[in-house]
Amino acid sequence: MKKAKIASRAAIGEMVSMGKITSMDDLLEIIPLKQICESTGMHYSTMHRKARNPGLLKIEECRLLAAFLQIPPVDVVNMVLRHNPAVL
């Protein structure tokens, strides 16, 4: 996926909810990791490690990411589960 200018986090969140963004890798192609960290208060190195292995995300971190994207936390959890099908 090529970096694109998208009007709002809500639009990106909608893409996550609709399944058009299916992984943290897809998300990070659109939103810089630094922006996510600054907006959620998560430490850069922690988020970088968890972006590479989303199964490490805690529920609270999923909630913070969901609030940032303006979507229900379940949509972030579903994205993480799609990345880790063995968890299902």
N, C-alpha and C. Protein backbone atom coordinates (compact mmCIF):
# COMPACT_ATOMS: atom_id res chain seq x y z
N MET A 1 0.85 -1.16 0.00
CA MET A 1 0.00 0.00 0.00
C MET A 1 0.90 1.23 0.00
N LYS A 2 0.62 2.18 -0.83
CA LYS A 2 1.42 3.38 -0.95
C LYS A 2 0.92 4.43 0.03
N LYS A 3 1.87 5.22 0.59
CA LYS A 3 1.45 6.29 1.50
C LYS A 3 0.54 7.25 0.78
N ALA A 4 -0.56 7.57 1.42
CA ALA A 4 -1.52 8.48 0.81
C ALA A 4 -1.95 9.50 1.84
N LYS A 5 -2.30 10.66 1.39
CA LYS A 5 -2.82 11.66 2.30
C LYS A 5 -4.31 11.39 2.47
N ILE A 6 -4.69 11.09 3.69
CA ILE A 6 -6.09 10.81 3.99
C ILE A 6 -6.58 11.91 4.92
N ALA A 7 -7.79 12.34 4.69
CA ALA A 7 -8.33 13.52 5.38
C ALA A 7 -8.31 13.41 6.90
N SER A 8 -8.61 12.27 7.45
CA SER A 8 -8.74 12.21 8.90
C SER A 8 -8.44 10.82 9.44
N ARG A 9 -8.17 10.80 10.75
CA ARG A 9 -7.98 9.51 11.42
C ARG A 9 -9.27 8.71 11.35
N ALA A 10 -10.41 9.40 11.37
CA ALA A 10 -11.70 8.70 11.29
C ALA A 10 -11.80 7.94 9.97
N ALA A 11 -11.32 8.53 8.89
CA ALA A 11 -11.35 7.85 7.59
C ALA A 11 -10.46 6.62 7.61
N ILE A 12 -9.31 6.73 8.26
CA ILE A 12 -8.41 5.58 8.37
C ILE A 12 -9.05 4.52 9.25
N GLY A 13 -9.67 4.97 10.36
CA GLY A 13 -10.36 4.04 11.24
C GLY A 13 -11.46 3.30 10.51
N GLU A 14 -12.17 3.99 9.66
CA GLU A 14 -13.23 3.36 8.87
C GLU A 14 -12.64 2.28 7.96
N MET A 15 -11.46 2.55 7.41
CA MET A 15 -10.80 1.56 6.55
C MET A 15 -10.43 0.32 7.36
N VAL A 16 -10.02 0.51 8.63
CA VAL A 16 -9.72 -0.63 9.51
C VAL A 16 -11.01 -1.40 9.76
N SER A 17 -12.08 -0.68 10.10
CA SER A 17 -13.36 -1.33 10.41
C SER A 17 -13.90 -2.12 9.22
N MET A 18 -13.68 -1.59 8.00
CA MET A 18 -14.18 -2.26 6.80
C MET A 18 -13.26 -3.38 6.32
N GLY A 19 -12.10 -3.54 6.96
CA GLY A 19 -11.18 -4.60 6.57
C GLY A 19 -10.27 -4.23 5.42
N LYS A 20 -10.22 -2.95 5.06
CA LYS A 20 -9.31 -2.53 3.98
C LYS A 20 -7.89 -2.37 4.50
N ILE A 21 -7.76 -2.08 5.77
CA ILE A 21 -6.46 -2.09 6.45
C ILE A 21 -6.50 -3.32 7.34
N THR A 22 -5.68 -4.30 7.02
CA THR A 22 -5.79 -5.59 7.70
C THR A 22 -4.64 -5.91 8.64
N SER A 23 -3.66 -5.02 8.71
CA SER A 23 -2.52 -5.31 9.59
C SER A 23 -1.90 -4.01 10.08
N MET A 24 -1.08 -4.14 11.10
CA MET A 24 -0.34 -2.98 11.60
C MET A 24 0.59 -2.45 10.51
N ASP A 25 1.14 -3.34 9.70
CA ASP A 25 2.00 -2.90 8.60
C ASP A 25 1.24 -1.98 7.65
N ASP A 26 0.01 -2.37 7.31
CA ASP A 26 -0.83 -1.53 6.44
C ASP A 26 -1.09 -0.18 7.09
N LEU A 27 -1.39 -0.21 8.39
CA LEU A 27 -1.68 1.01 9.11
C LEU A 27 -0.47 1.94 9.12
N LEU A 28 0.71 1.37 9.35
CA LEU A 28 1.92 2.18 9.44
C LEU A 28 2.39 2.69 8.09
N GLU A 29 1.84 2.17 7.02
CA GLU A 29 2.14 2.73 5.70
C GLU A 29 1.38 4.04 5.49
N ILE A 30 0.34 4.24 6.29
CA ILE A 30 -0.49 5.44 6.15
C ILE A 30 -0.20 6.46 7.26
N ILE A 31 -0.06 5.96 8.48
CA ILE A 31 0.17 6.84 9.63
C ILE A 31 1.56 6.54 10.19
N PRO A 32 2.40 7.55 10.32
CA PRO A 32 3.73 7.32 10.90
C PRO A 32 3.64 6.82 12.35
N LEU A 33 4.51 5.91 12.70
CA LEU A 33 4.54 5.36 14.05
C LEU A 33 4.70 6.48 15.08
N LYS A 34 5.51 7.46 14.78
CA LYS A 34 5.73 8.57 15.70
C LYS A 34 4.43 9.30 16.02
N GLN A 35 3.59 9.49 15.01
CA GLN A 35 2.30 10.17 15.23
C GLN A 35 1.40 9.34 16.14
N ILE A 36 1.38 8.03 15.93
CA ILE A 36 0.57 7.15 16.78
C ILE A 36 1.06 7.23 18.21
N CYS A 37 2.37 7.18 18.40
CA CYS A 37 2.95 7.22 19.75
C CYS A 37 2.65 8.53 20.45
N GLU A 38 2.82 9.63 19.73
CA GLU A 38 2.56 10.94 20.33
C GLU A 38 1.09 11.09 20.71
N SER A 39 0.20 10.56 19.91
CA SER A 39 -1.24 10.70 20.16
C SER A 39 -1.75 9.76 21.24
N THR A 40 -1.13 8.58 21.37
CA THR A 40 -1.61 7.59 22.34
C THR A 40 -0.83 7.62 23.64
N GLY A 41 0.35 8.25 23.63
CA GLY A 41 1.19 8.26 24.82
C GLY A 41 2.02 7.00 24.99
N MET A 42 2.01 6.15 23.98
CA MET A 42 2.81 4.92 24.04
C MET A 42 4.26 5.24 23.66
N HIS A 43 5.19 4.56 24.31
CA HIS A 43 6.61 4.77 24.02
C HIS A 43 6.93 4.24 22.63
N TYR A 44 7.78 4.96 21.91
CA TYR A 44 8.10 4.61 20.52
C TYR A 44 8.66 3.19 20.40
N SER A 45 9.64 2.84 21.22
CA SER A 45 10.26 1.51 21.07
C SER A 45 9.28 0.39 21.42
N THR A 46 8.41 0.64 22.40
CA THR A 46 7.39 -0.35 22.76
C THR A 46 6.42 -0.56 21.59
N MET A 47 5.94 0.54 21.03
CA MET A 47 4.99 0.44 19.92
C MET A 47 5.65 -0.16 18.68
N HIS A 48 6.92 0.16 18.46
CA HIS A 48 7.64 -0.40 17.31
C HIS A 48 7.70 -1.92 17.44
N ARG A 49 8.04 -2.41 18.63
CA ARG A 49 8.12 -3.86 18.86
C ARG A 49 6.76 -4.51 18.69
N LYS A 50 5.72 -3.87 19.20
CA LYS A 50 4.38 -4.45 19.13
C LYS A 50 3.77 -4.32 17.74
N ALA A 51 4.21 -3.35 16.97
CA ALA A 51 3.74 -3.23 15.59
C ALA A 51 4.28 -4.39 14.76
N ARG A 52 5.49 -4.84 15.08
CA ARG A 52 6.07 -5.99 14.37
C ARG A 52 5.42 -7.30 14.80
N ASN A 53 4.92 -7.33 16.03
CA ASN A 53 4.24 -8.53 16.55
C ASN A 53 3.00 -8.07 17.31
N PRO A 54 1.91 -7.76 16.59
CA PRO A 54 0.71 -7.19 17.22
C PRO A 54 0.08 -8.07 18.29
N GLY A 55 0.39 -9.34 18.30
CA GLY A 55 -0.13 -10.22 19.34
C GLY A 55 0.35 -9.81 20.73
N LEU A 56 1.38 -8.98 20.80
CA LEU A 56 1.89 -8.50 22.08
C LEU A 56 1.11 -7.32 22.63
N LEU A 57 0.23 -6.73 21.81
CA LEU A 57 -0.55 -5.58 22.27
C LEU A 57 -1.45 -5.97 23.43
N LYS A 58 -1.45 -5.14 24.46
CA LYS A 58 -2.33 -5.34 25.60
C LYS A 58 -3.70 -4.74 25.27
N ILE A 59 -4.70 -5.16 26.01
CA ILE A 59 -6.05 -4.66 25.79
C ILE A 59 -6.08 -3.14 25.89
N GLU A 60 -5.43 -2.58 26.88
CA GLU A 60 -5.41 -1.13 27.05
C GLU A 60 -4.75 -0.45 25.85
N GLU A 61 -3.72 -1.05 25.29
CA GLU A 61 -3.06 -0.48 24.12
C GLU A 61 -3.97 -0.55 22.89
N CYS A 62 -4.74 -1.62 22.78
CA CYS A 62 -5.74 -1.71 21.70
C CYS A 62 -6.79 -0.62 21.87
N ARG A 63 -7.17 -0.37 23.13
CA ARG A 63 -8.16 0.68 23.40
C ARG A 63 -7.61 2.06 23.04
N LEU A 64 -6.34 2.32 23.37
CA LEU A 64 -5.72 3.60 23.02
C LEU A 64 -5.63 3.78 21.51
N LEU A 65 -5.25 2.72 20.82
CA LEU A 65 -5.14 2.77 19.37
C LEU A 65 -6.53 2.99 18.74
N ALA A 66 -7.52 2.32 19.30
CA ALA A 66 -8.90 2.49 18.80
C ALA A 66 -9.38 3.92 19.02
N ALA A 67 -9.09 4.49 20.17
CA ALA A 67 -9.49 5.87 20.45
C ALA A 67 -8.80 6.82 19.47
N PHE A 68 -7.54 6.57 19.18
CA PHE A 68 -6.80 7.38 18.21
C PHE A 68 -7.45 7.30 16.83
N LEU A 69 -7.87 6.10 16.43
CA LEU A 69 -8.48 5.89 15.12
C LEU A 69 -9.98 6.17 15.10
N GLN A 70 -10.54 6.45 16.27
CA GLN A 70 -11.96 6.75 16.41
C GLN A 70 -12.85 5.59 15.95
N ILE A 71 -12.47 4.39 16.41
CA ILE A 71 -13.22 3.17 16.09
C ILE A 71 -13.40 2.35 17.36
N PRO A 72 -14.31 1.39 17.35
CA PRO A 72 -14.48 0.53 18.52
C PRO A 72 -13.22 -0.33 18.73
N PRO A 73 -12.83 -0.56 19.98
CA PRO A 73 -11.64 -1.38 20.26
C PRO A 73 -11.70 -2.76 19.61
N VAL A 74 -12.89 -3.31 19.44
CA VAL A 74 -13.02 -4.63 18.84
C VAL A 74 -12.45 -4.65 17.42
N ASP A 75 -12.51 -3.52 16.72
CA ASP A 75 -11.96 -3.48 15.35
C ASP A 75 -10.44 -3.58 15.37
N VAL A 76 -9.81 -2.99 16.38
CA VAL A 76 -8.35 -3.13 16.51
C VAL A 76 -8.01 -4.56 16.89
N VAL A 77 -8.77 -5.13 17.81
CA VAL A 77 -8.54 -6.53 18.22
C VAL A 77 -8.69 -7.45 17.01
N ASN A 78 -9.70 -7.23 16.19
CA ASN A 78 -9.90 -8.05 14.99
C ASN A 78 -8.73 -7.93 14.03
N MET A 79 -8.17 -6.72 13.89
CA MET A 79 -7.01 -6.53 13.04
C MET A 79 -5.82 -7.33 13.58
N VAL A 80 -5.65 -7.32 14.89
CA VAL A 80 -4.57 -8.09 15.52
C VAL A 80 -4.79 -9.58 15.30
N LEU A 81 -6.03 -10.04 15.45
CA LEU A 81 -6.32 -11.46 15.26
C LEU A 81 -6.13 -11.89 13.81
N ARG A 82 -6.44 -11.02 12.86
CA ARG A 82 -6.20 -11.35 11.45
C ARG A 82 -4.70 -11.50 11.19
N HIS A 83 -3.89 -10.75 11.93
CA HIS A 83 -2.44 -10.83 11.79
C HIS A 83 -1.90 -12.12 12.42
N ASN A 84 -2.61 -12.64 13.43
CA ASN A 84 -2.20 -13.83 14.17
C ASN A 84 -3.29 -14.89 14.11
N PRO A 85 -3.51 -15.53 12.96
CA PRO A 85 -4.61 -16.49 12.85
C PRO A 85 -4.49 -17.67 13.79
N ALA A 86 -3.30 -17.98 14.27
CA ALA A 86 -3.13 -19.11 15.19
C ALA A 86 -3.84 -18.86 16.51
N VAL A 87 -4.07 -17.59 16.85
CA VAL A 87 -4.75 -17.24 18.09
C VAL A 87 -6.21 -17.65 18.04
N LEU A 88 -6.80 -17.63 16.83
CA LEU A 88 -8.20 -18.00 16.68
C LEU A 88 -8.35 -19.47 16.96
